[in-house]
Protein backbone atom coordinates (compact mmCIF):
# COMPACT_ATOMS: atom_id res chain seq x y z
CA MET A 1 126.83 163.37 27.04
CA LYS A 2 125.24 160.78 26.65
CA ILE A 3 123.66 159.67 30.25
CA LEU A 4 121.75 157.53 31.50
CA LEU A 5 118.91 157.46 34.00
CA ALA A 6 118.39 154.30 36.07
CA CYS A 7 114.73 153.27 37.59
CA GLU A 8 113.63 156.89 36.68
CA GLU A 9 109.82 156.67 35.64
CA SER A 10 109.70 160.69 37.09
CA GLN A 11 112.20 161.87 34.32
CA ARG A 12 112.92 164.64 37.11
CA VAL A 13 116.31 164.36 36.58
CA THR A 14 116.12 163.27 32.59
CA LYS A 15 114.37 166.54 31.73
CA ALA A 16 117.14 168.67 33.89
CA PHE A 17 119.83 167.38 31.67
CA ARG A 18 117.74 167.29 28.18
CA ASP A 19 117.39 171.35 29.23
CA LYS A 20 121.21 171.75 29.23
CA GLY A 21 121.65 170.06 26.12
CA HIS A 22 122.12 166.33 27.02
CA GLU A 23 121.31 163.04 25.48
CA ALA A 24 119.79 161.63 28.54
CA TYR A 25 117.48 158.81 28.71
CA SER A 26 115.47 157.21 31.54
CA CYS A 27 115.20 153.92 32.14
CA ASP A 28 112.41 151.44 33.94
CA ILE A 29 110.61 148.86 34.11
CA VAL A 30 107.17 150.53 33.88
CA ASP A 31 105.87 153.41 31.40
CA CYS A 32 107.46 156.98 32.46
CA THR A 33 105.15 159.91 34.13
CA GLY A 34 107.47 162.44 33.07
CA GLY A 35 105.80 163.35 29.51
CA PHE A 36 108.46 162.21 27.25
CA PRO A 37 108.30 158.59 26.12
CA LYS A 38 111.04 159.51 23.36
CA TRP A 39 113.79 160.03 26.00
CA HIS A 40 112.42 156.65 27.96
CA ILE A 41 113.72 153.20 27.54
CA LYS A 42 110.63 150.47 29.45
CA ASP A 43 112.82 147.91 29.49
CA ASP A 44 115.64 146.29 32.47
CA VAL A 45 118.32 148.69 32.78
CA LEU A 46 121.04 146.00 32.92
CA LYS A 47 120.48 145.42 29.52
CA HIS A 48 121.27 148.62 28.72
CA LEU A 49 124.57 149.13 30.93
CA THR A 50 126.41 148.61 27.71
CA ASP A 51 124.63 151.24 25.17
CA GLY A 52 127.69 153.84 25.03
CA TRP A 53 127.40 155.97 28.49
CA ASP A 54 129.05 158.88 29.81
CA MET A 55 127.52 159.14 32.98
CA MET A 56 125.03 156.82 34.99
CA ILE A 57 122.59 158.17 37.36
CA ALA A 58 120.57 155.45 39.44
CA PHE A 59 118.20 155.28 41.57
CA PRO A 60 117.32 151.50 41.90
CA PRO A 61 114.45 150.64 44.47
CA CYS A 62 115.13 150.71 48.13
CA THR A 63 112.40 148.85 49.22
CA TYR A 64 114.43 145.60 50.61
CA LEU A 65 117.82 148.19 50.98
CA SER A 66 116.16 150.78 53.63
CA TYR A 67 116.34 151.04 57.29
CA ALA A 68 112.92 151.32 57.05
CA ALA A 69 110.33 149.00 58.19
CA ASN A 70 113.14 146.96 60.13
CA GLY A 71 109.92 144.96 61.69
CA TYR A 72 109.31 143.38 58.25
CA TRP A 73 113.21 142.14 58.25
CA LYS A 74 112.82 139.17 59.97
CA ARG A 75 109.95 137.68 57.50
CA LYS A 76 110.52 134.12 55.69
CA GLY A 77 112.37 135.00 52.51
CA ARG A 78 112.69 138.56 53.04
CA VAL A 79 116.30 137.84 53.43
CA PHE A 80 116.54 136.86 49.51
CA ASP A 81 114.47 140.05 48.71
CA ARG A 82 117.79 141.94 50.07
CA LEU A 83 120.36 139.45 48.52
CA GLN A 84 118.51 140.36 45.44
CA ALA A 85 118.22 143.71 45.63
CA LEU A 86 122.34 144.41 47.42
CA HIS A 87 123.45 142.71 44.01
CA PHE A 88 121.24 144.82 41.76
CA PHE A 89 122.68 147.99 43.69
CA ALA A 90 126.19 146.39 43.63
CA THR A 91 126.18 145.43 40.12
CA LEU A 92 125.23 149.73 39.00
CA LEU A 93 127.64 150.79 41.37
CA GLU A 94 130.74 148.80 39.78
CA CYS A 95 129.49 148.67 36.44
CA ASP A 96 132.90 149.10 34.08
CA CYS A 97 131.30 150.34 31.13
CA ILE A 98 130.14 153.28 32.52
CA ASP A 99 132.69 156.37 33.24
CA LYS A 100 131.22 158.54 35.69
CA ILE A 101 128.54 157.00 38.25
CA ALA A 102 126.08 158.52 40.91
CA ILE A 103 124.06 156.27 43.02
CA GLU A 104 120.86 157.69 44.99
CA ASN A 105 119.26 155.64 48.05
CA PRO A 106 118.12 156.27 51.30
CA LEU A 107 120.53 154.93 54.27
CA GLY A 108 120.20 151.47 54.47
CA CYS A 109 121.85 148.03 54.40
CA ALA A 110 124.16 149.04 51.37
CA ASP A 111 126.20 151.50 53.50
CA ILE A 112 127.54 148.71 55.03
CA ILE A 113 127.45 145.20 52.73
CA VAL A 114 128.55 146.98 49.41
CA ARG A 115 130.50 149.82 50.45
CA LYS A 116 129.88 153.46 52.55
CA HIS A 117 127.92 156.49 50.86
CA ASP A 118 130.13 159.12 49.58
CA GLN A 119 126.93 162.09 50.72
CA ILE A 120 123.81 162.57 52.33
CA ILE A 121 121.68 165.18 51.39
CA ASN A 122 118.56 166.94 51.90
CA PRO A 123 116.25 168.83 49.40
CA TYR A 124 116.19 171.80 52.02
CA PHE A 125 119.85 172.17 51.30
CA PHE A 126 118.88 172.90 46.93
CA GLY A 127 115.99 175.25 47.85
CA ASP A 128 113.10 172.50 48.72
CA PRO A 129 111.44 172.47 51.76
CA HIS A 130 110.98 169.21 52.79
CA GLN A 131 113.57 166.68 54.15
CA LYS A 132 114.50 163.16 52.88
CA ARG A 133 117.71 162.32 53.86
CA THR A 134 118.95 160.79 51.03
CA CYS A 135 122.82 158.94 50.43
CA LEU A 136 125.10 159.62 47.42
CA TRP A 137 127.90 156.70 46.20
CA LEU A 138 130.19 158.69 43.73
CA LYS A 139 132.50 156.97 41.10
CA ASN A 140 134.24 159.51 39.01
CA LEU A 141 132.04 162.39 40.02
CA PRO A 142 132.30 165.42 42.82
CA LYS A 143 129.72 165.78 46.12
CA LEU A 144 127.24 168.11 45.15
CA VAL A 145 128.18 171.66 46.42
CA HIS A 146 125.28 173.43 48.81
CA THR A 147 125.98 176.12 51.30
CA LYS A 148 123.78 178.02 54.49
CA SER A 149 125.07 181.09 53.78
CA ASN A 150 126.15 184.12 51.23
CA ASP A 151 129.84 184.67 51.08
CA LEU A 152 132.31 186.03 49.38
CA PHE A 153 133.03 182.46 47.85
CA SER A 154 129.45 181.01 47.33
CA THR A 155 125.74 181.75 46.98
CA LEU A 156 122.91 180.53 49.29
CA THR A 157 121.18 177.59 47.94
CA HIS A 158 120.12 175.98 51.27
CA CYS A 159 116.07 177.21 52.69
CA GLU A 160 114.69 176.83 55.64
CA LYS A 161 114.55 173.32 57.56
CA PRO A 162 111.13 171.98 57.51
CA LEU A 163 109.49 171.45 61.33
CA PRO A 164 108.14 168.25 62.02
CA ILE A 165 104.53 167.90 61.57
CA TYR A 166 103.58 165.14 63.69
CA THR A 167 105.56 162.64 66.08
CA ASP A 168 105.29 158.87 65.46
CA LYS A 169 104.12 156.05 68.15
CA SER A 170 108.02 155.98 68.83
CA GLY A 171 108.00 159.30 69.84
CA LYS A 172 110.31 160.16 67.21
CA LYS A 173 109.23 163.53 65.10
CA ARG A 174 108.16 163.30 61.79
CA THR A 175 107.98 166.01 59.19
CA PHE A 176 105.87 165.84 55.58
CA THR A 177 107.66 163.11 53.05
CA GLU A 178 108.23 161.01 55.86
CA SER A 179 104.68 160.89 56.82
CA LEU A 180 104.30 159.79 53.51
CA SER A 181 102.69 155.91 52.47
CA GLY A 182 101.02 153.64 50.26
CA ARG A 183 100.27 154.95 47.40
CA GLN A 184 101.51 158.16 48.66
CA GLN A 185 105.08 157.32 48.74
CA ASN A 186 105.49 157.18 44.96
CA ILE A 187 105.17 160.85 45.60
CA ARG A 188 108.32 160.67 47.96
CA SER A 189 110.65 158.61 45.34
CA LYS A 190 110.46 161.42 42.89
CA THR A 191 113.78 163.53 43.60
CA PHE A 192 113.07 166.76 44.06
CA PRO A 193 113.19 170.04 41.87
CA GLY A 194 116.17 171.34 43.31
CA ILE A 195 118.04 168.58 43.38
CA ALA A 196 117.30 167.46 39.91
CA GLU A 197 118.93 170.56 38.75
CA ALA A 198 121.97 170.58 41.39
CA MET A 199 122.89 167.01 39.49
CA ALA A 200 122.59 168.57 35.93
CA GLN A 201 124.43 171.77 37.02
CA GLN A 202 127.07 170.45 38.77
CA TRP A 203 127.36 167.19 36.96
CA GLY A 204 126.00 168.13 33.31
């Protein structure tokens, strides 16, 4: 298949699909950090939706969509940033020229305004010892299969759920990925290897 990885500079999912023999390309407005610029389109992804893709997996920025940092939502001008982000999200999800679409994002206002997510996953569902609740919005794609234990029909994919490492000011216990902030958020935003492999294995 010819696959577009929208808003992916890390190329982690791009490489997972390439390893399965697919023609996958990342696309972002910044340079790729995955080491394969020949597989990267540095441009606005909206300009490339009609380039003949069989599938798109998109990771739109969640800064103005996520429920994180709700204290900033009332800042002047924030509503326009949120509306612009929602428009971008909906444009990707409702693209008629691509048959198979998956959108990845944290739980946020798109879940209410655009449409409800189809699935929630965590990295530890697929063998990475981290917790980061992630929503998937799907079009013509099945939910990602994962299982907590071996049985007659399935093989264990989960690892142990990570324990909290600290308690925030509100008293909520947080894990490692939730503690990342500032420049470290770039680490948190990257797709975990187990999820990337599951996408390529199950959707490819």
